[in-house]
Amino acid sequence: MPHLRRLVVTFATLGTIALLGGCAVDDSDDTTAKDDVNVDVDTDLVADRSRPSALCGKNPAAQQRTASELAAFVLGGDNITSAISPCTKLACILELRSRLASGEVTVNTSLPLEIQCGSKQFLGIHYELTVPEIDLTTCATTVQQYCDVGPFFAHRAKMLTMDPEPATTKERLGSSTGATAAAVFVNSNEETRVLKWPSAYTAGGTNAPAAGTPCSPTVLGENVMTTKVIQASGTLRRCI
């Protein structure tokens, strides 16, 4: 790649951080972000993480779902829909996926995130990954050209951000590994399930959970927002 540099990547989960990236939104066509999830914003964590003016379209929630699918692929997923199919062929995406699977890329921290789109705030799951040199500017620009991911996949300075959508539990998540609970994605309002899974790599078995599945290594009550997703590496899975 043309200009290699050391990078820090960010994805998305946990509570909320105010990341301001002004986006033009047509509210008449937009899927409304849910306002009933309480998230505390730690402004100290937001320092130096503001984004450039971003590409919020008429339906930012749909853009985030596409970004969530792409993040799941990077985290080892195999579910390639038409929305992300062009992006999964990009060299930088394949490199990130490969390095995550091999352990060369490590997850340092997950952080709460709010993404500002016009007058709306969209909750996201924000991951920081240490990644050996990749041309982040070219990667982010190319992905924007091929996938409608809006501000949920962006680049600034040494940071690449990928912000998958968290979910809110609709029932209690039990303590047994593999237990599930009904949930709903907080911005798109799509039904899903949250999985109880360890934070250390564990054999997934014959019905291994898909990468990108909302998860928790601990018990969750009802109406609690998820802060992690499943990462896949071969037959192993972990909740990060």
Protein backbone atom coordinates (compact mmCIF):
# COMPACT_ATOMS: atom_id res chain seq x y z
CA MET A 1 0.00 0.00 0.00
CA PRO A 2 1.25 3.51 -0.79
CA HIS A 3 1.84 5.13 2.59
CA LEU A 4 2.22 2.73 5.49
CA ARG A 5 1.85 3.92 9.03
CA ARG A 6 1.09 2.60 12.50
CA LEU A 7 -2.60 2.59 13.21
CA VAL A 8 -5.25 2.46 15.85
CA VAL A 9 -8.65 1.11 14.75
CA THR A 10 -11.94 1.66 16.49
CA PHE A 11 -15.14 -0.31 16.29
CA ALA A 12 -18.19 0.09 18.55
CA THR A 13 -20.07 -1.07 21.81
CA LEU A 14 -20.50 -0.11 25.51
CA GLY A 15 -22.27 3.00 26.68
CA THR A 16 -21.69 6.29 24.94
CA ILE A 17 -19.18 8.93 23.99
CA ALA A 18 -20.03 12.13 22.22
CA LEU A 19 -18.25 12.03 18.91
CA LEU A 20 -19.33 15.01 16.90
CA GLY A 21 -19.37 14.64 13.13
CA GLY A 22 -21.96 16.91 11.59
CA CYS A 23 -24.02 15.02 9.06
CA ALA A 24 -26.79 16.23 6.81
CA VAL A 25 -29.87 14.12 7.46
CA ASP A 26 -33.27 14.14 5.81
CA ASP A 27 -35.53 13.41 8.81
CA SER A 28 -38.53 12.69 6.62
CA ASP A 29 -37.02 9.41 5.45
CA ASP A 30 -34.90 8.55 8.45
CA THR A 31 -35.21 5.65 10.85
CA THR A 32 -35.39 7.32 14.24
CA ALA A 33 -32.68 6.51 16.77
CA LYS A 34 -34.11 5.18 20.01
CA ASP A 35 -34.17 7.75 22.83
CA ASP A 36 -35.03 5.45 25.74
CA VAL A 37 -31.58 3.97 26.34
CA ASN A 38 -29.76 5.88 29.06
CA VAL A 39 -26.04 6.20 28.42
CA ASP A 40 -23.55 8.20 30.47
CA VAL A 41 -21.06 10.17 28.42
CA ASP A 42 -17.53 10.46 29.79
CA THR A 43 -16.21 13.55 28.04
CA ASP A 44 -12.66 12.78 29.18
CA LEU A 45 -12.69 9.74 26.92
CA VAL A 46 -13.87 11.76 23.96
CA ALA A 47 -10.74 13.88 23.80
CA ASP A 48 -9.24 14.07 20.29
CA ARG A 49 -11.80 11.66 18.84
CA SER A 50 -14.06 14.04 16.96
CA ARG A 51 -14.69 13.03 13.36
CA PRO A 52 -14.67 15.10 10.23
CA SER A 53 -18.02 16.12 8.80
CA ALA A 54 -19.44 12.79 7.80
CA LEU A 55 -21.69 11.14 5.29
CA CYS A 56 -25.00 10.59 7.02
CA GLY A 57 -27.57 9.72 4.41
CA LYS A 58 -31.35 9.69 4.58
CA ASN A 59 -31.27 6.55 6.72
CA PRO A 60 -28.24 6.52 9.05
CA ALA A 61 -29.61 3.48 10.92
CA ALA A 62 -29.42 1.45 7.71
CA GLN A 63 -25.90 2.76 7.10
CA GLN A 64 -24.90 1.55 10.55
CA ARG A 65 -26.37 -1.90 9.90
CA THR A 66 -24.14 -2.15 6.80
CA ALA A 67 -21.14 -1.02 8.86
CA SER A 68 -22.08 -3.64 11.47
CA GLU A 69 -22.03 -6.37 8.83
CA LEU A 70 -18.64 -5.18 7.62
CA ALA A 71 -17.29 -5.13 11.19
CA ALA A 72 -18.56 -8.70 11.68
CA PHE A 73 -16.68 -9.79 8.55
CA VAL A 74 -13.48 -8.14 9.77
CA LEU A 75 -13.96 -9.97 13.09
CA GLY A 76 -13.96 -13.32 11.29
CA GLY A 77 -17.54 -13.62 10.06
CA ASP A 78 -18.65 -15.53 6.97
CA ASN A 79 -22.04 -13.91 6.36
CA ILE A 80 -21.40 -11.83 3.25
CA THR A 81 -24.50 -9.97 2.07
CA SER A 82 -24.83 -7.92 -1.10
CA ALA A 83 -24.36 -4.75 0.98
CA ILE A 84 -20.80 -5.65 1.99
CA SER A 85 -19.76 -8.00 -0.81
CA PRO A 86 -17.67 -5.37 -2.67
CA CYS A 87 -15.94 -4.32 0.57
CA THR A 88 -14.90 -7.86 1.49
CA LYS A 89 -12.63 -7.94 -1.57
CA LEU A 90 -10.62 -4.87 -0.54
CA ALA A 91 -6.99 -5.56 0.38
CA CYS A 92 -7.03 -3.52 3.60
CA ILE A 93 -10.20 -5.21 4.87
CA LEU A 94 -8.80 -8.67 4.13
CA GLU A 95 -5.57 -7.68 5.88
CA LEU A 96 -7.37 -6.49 9.00
CA ARG A 97 -9.45 -9.68 9.07
CA SER A 98 -6.37 -11.89 8.65
CA ARG A 99 -4.35 -10.10 11.33
CA LEU A 100 -7.21 -10.24 13.81
CA ALA A 101 -7.59 -13.98 13.22
CA SER A 102 -3.86 -14.60 13.69
CA GLY A 103 -3.66 -12.51 16.85
CA GLU A 104 -1.24 -10.03 15.30
CA VAL A 105 -3.88 -7.36 15.86
CA THR A 106 -5.02 -7.15 19.48
CA VAL A 107 -8.04 -5.44 21.01
CA ASN A 108 -6.93 -2.90 23.58
CA THR A 109 -10.15 -1.26 24.71
CA SER A 110 -13.83 -0.99 23.91
CA LEU A 111 -15.46 2.35 24.59
CA PRO A 112 -18.94 3.90 24.70
CA LEU A 113 -19.82 5.94 21.65
CA GLU A 114 -22.38 8.44 20.38
CA ILE A 115 -22.28 9.44 16.73
CA GLN A 116 -23.87 12.78 15.95
CA CYS A 117 -25.90 12.90 12.73
CA GLY A 118 -27.57 16.25 12.38
CA SER A 119 -29.92 16.53 15.36
CA LYS A 120 -29.80 12.80 16.11
CA GLN A 121 -27.34 10.74 18.13
CA PHE A 122 -26.68 7.11 17.21
CA LEU A 123 -25.29 4.72 19.76
CA GLY A 124 -22.35 2.59 18.69
CA ILE A 125 -19.79 0.09 19.97
CA HIS A 126 -16.34 1.66 19.82
CA TYR A 127 -13.30 -0.65 19.73
CA GLU A 128 -9.64 0.29 19.74
CA LEU A 129 -7.27 -2.12 18.04
CA THR A 130 -3.51 -1.90 17.72
CA VAL A 131 -2.69 -2.70 14.09
CA PRO A 132 0.66 -2.85 12.30
CA GLU A 133 1.03 -0.38 9.45
CA ILE A 134 -1.83 0.06 7.02
CA ASP A 135 -2.76 3.03 4.85
CA LEU A 136 -5.87 4.05 6.75
CA THR A 137 -6.82 7.00 4.58
CA THR A 138 -6.95 4.92 1.42
CA CYS A 139 -8.75 2.09 3.20
CA ALA A 140 -11.50 4.30 4.63
CA THR A 141 -11.92 6.25 1.39
CA THR A 142 -12.20 3.07 -0.68
CA VAL A 143 -14.74 1.51 1.67
CA GLN A 144 -16.82 4.70 1.52
CA GLN A 145 -16.83 4.41 -2.27
CA TYR A 146 -17.98 0.79 -2.31
CA CYS A 147 -20.31 0.54 0.71
CA ASP A 148 -22.96 2.87 2.09
CA VAL A 149 -21.57 2.97 5.63
CA GLY A 150 -21.92 6.68 6.32
CA PRO A 151 -19.97 7.98 9.34
CA PHE A 152 -19.89 4.49 10.86
CA PHE A 153 -16.68 3.69 8.99
CA ALA A 154 -14.35 6.70 8.88
CA HIS A 155 -10.75 7.80 9.23
CA ARG A 156 -9.06 10.68 11.00
CA ALA A 157 -5.41 11.02 11.94
CA LYS A 158 -4.20 7.55 13.02
CA MET A 159 -7.68 6.21 13.73
CA LEU A 160 -9.98 4.04 11.68
CA THR A 161 -13.47 3.82 13.15
CA MET A 162 -15.96 1.01 12.60
CA ASP A 163 -19.05 1.37 14.73
CA PRO A 164 -21.37 -1.65 14.87
CA GLU A 165 -24.77 -1.26 16.47
CA PRO A 166 -25.40 -2.35 20.06
CA ALA A 167 -28.55 -4.10 21.21
CA THR A 168 -30.80 -3.80 24.26
CA THR A 169 -31.99 -6.91 26.08
CA LYS A 170 -35.72 -7.58 26.23
CA GLU A 171 -35.29 -10.26 28.90
CA ARG A 172 -32.67 -11.42 31.38
CA LEU A 173 -29.54 -13.10 29.99
CA GLY A 174 -28.67 -16.14 32.10
CA SER A 175 -25.32 -17.31 33.45
CA SER A 176 -24.67 -20.41 31.34
CA THR A 177 -22.24 -20.22 28.41
CA GLY A 178 -24.31 -20.27 25.24
CA ALA A 179 -27.44 -18.89 26.90
CA THR A 180 -29.35 -16.34 24.82
CA ALA A 181 -31.84 -13.57 25.47
CA ALA A 182 -34.19 -11.71 23.15
CA ALA A 183 -32.98 -8.23 22.25
CA VAL A 184 -33.46 -5.40 19.79
CA PHE A 185 -30.85 -3.28 18.02
CA VAL A 186 -30.99 0.19 19.54
CA ASN A 187 -30.97 2.29 16.35
CA SER A 188 -32.50 0.17 13.59
CA ASN A 189 -35.01 -1.46 16.00
CA GLU A 190 -34.39 -4.89 14.41
CA GLU A 191 -34.96 -8.00 16.53
CA THR A 192 -31.89 -10.01 17.54
CA ARG A 193 -30.54 -12.15 20.39
CA VAL A 194 -27.76 -11.55 22.90
CA LEU A 195 -25.39 -14.43 23.66
CA LYS A 196 -23.66 -15.28 26.96
CA TRP A 197 -20.06 -16.11 25.99
CA PRO A 198 -16.59 -15.97 27.61
CA SER A 199 -14.09 -13.21 26.87
CA ALA A 200 -11.37 -15.83 26.29
CA TYR A 201 -11.36 -17.92 23.12
CA THR A 202 -13.65 -20.95 23.56
CA ALA A 203 -14.51 -23.73 21.14
CA GLY A 204 -17.71 -22.82 19.32
CA GLY A 205 -18.85 -26.37 18.60
CA THR A 206 -20.95 -27.44 15.64
CA ASN A 207 -23.30 -24.45 15.93
CA ALA A 208 -20.68 -21.81 16.70
CA PRO A 209 -22.09 -18.28 17.11
CA ALA A 210 -21.58 -15.93 14.19
CA ALA A 211 -19.01 -13.16 14.41
CA GLY A 212 -20.66 -9.83 15.16
CA THR A 213 -23.37 -11.39 17.36
CA PRO A 214 -24.17 -9.15 20.35
CA CYS A 215 -22.76 -10.82 23.45
CA SER A 216 -21.83 -10.49 27.09
CA PRO A 217 -19.37 -12.44 29.28
CA THR A 218 -21.56 -11.61 32.30
CA VAL A 219 -25.22 -11.93 33.24
CA LEU A 220 -27.40 -9.08 31.96
CA GLY A 221 -30.74 -7.86 33.21
CA GLU A 222 -33.68 -6.73 31.10
CA ASN A 223 -33.35 -3.44 29.17
CA VAL A 224 -29.54 -3.41 29.34
CA MET A 225 -27.47 -2.29 26.37
CA THR A 226 -24.85 -4.71 25.06
CA THR A 227 -21.23 -3.60 24.92
CA LYS A 228 -19.50 -6.40 23.02
CA VAL A 229 -19.74 -8.67 19.98
CA ILE A 230 -18.44 -12.12 19.04
CA GLN A 231 -15.05 -12.46 17.34
CA ALA A 232 -14.29 -15.66 15.40
CA SER A 233 -10.92 -17.29 14.78
CA GLY A 234 -11.21 -20.66 13.08
CA THR A 235 -13.50 -22.77 15.30
CA LEU A 236 -12.88 -20.53 18.33
CA ARG A 237 -15.08 -17.69 19.55
CA ARG A 238 -14.71 -14.96 22.15
CA CYS A 239 -16.81 -12.02 23.35
CA ILE A 240 -14.88 -8.75 22.96
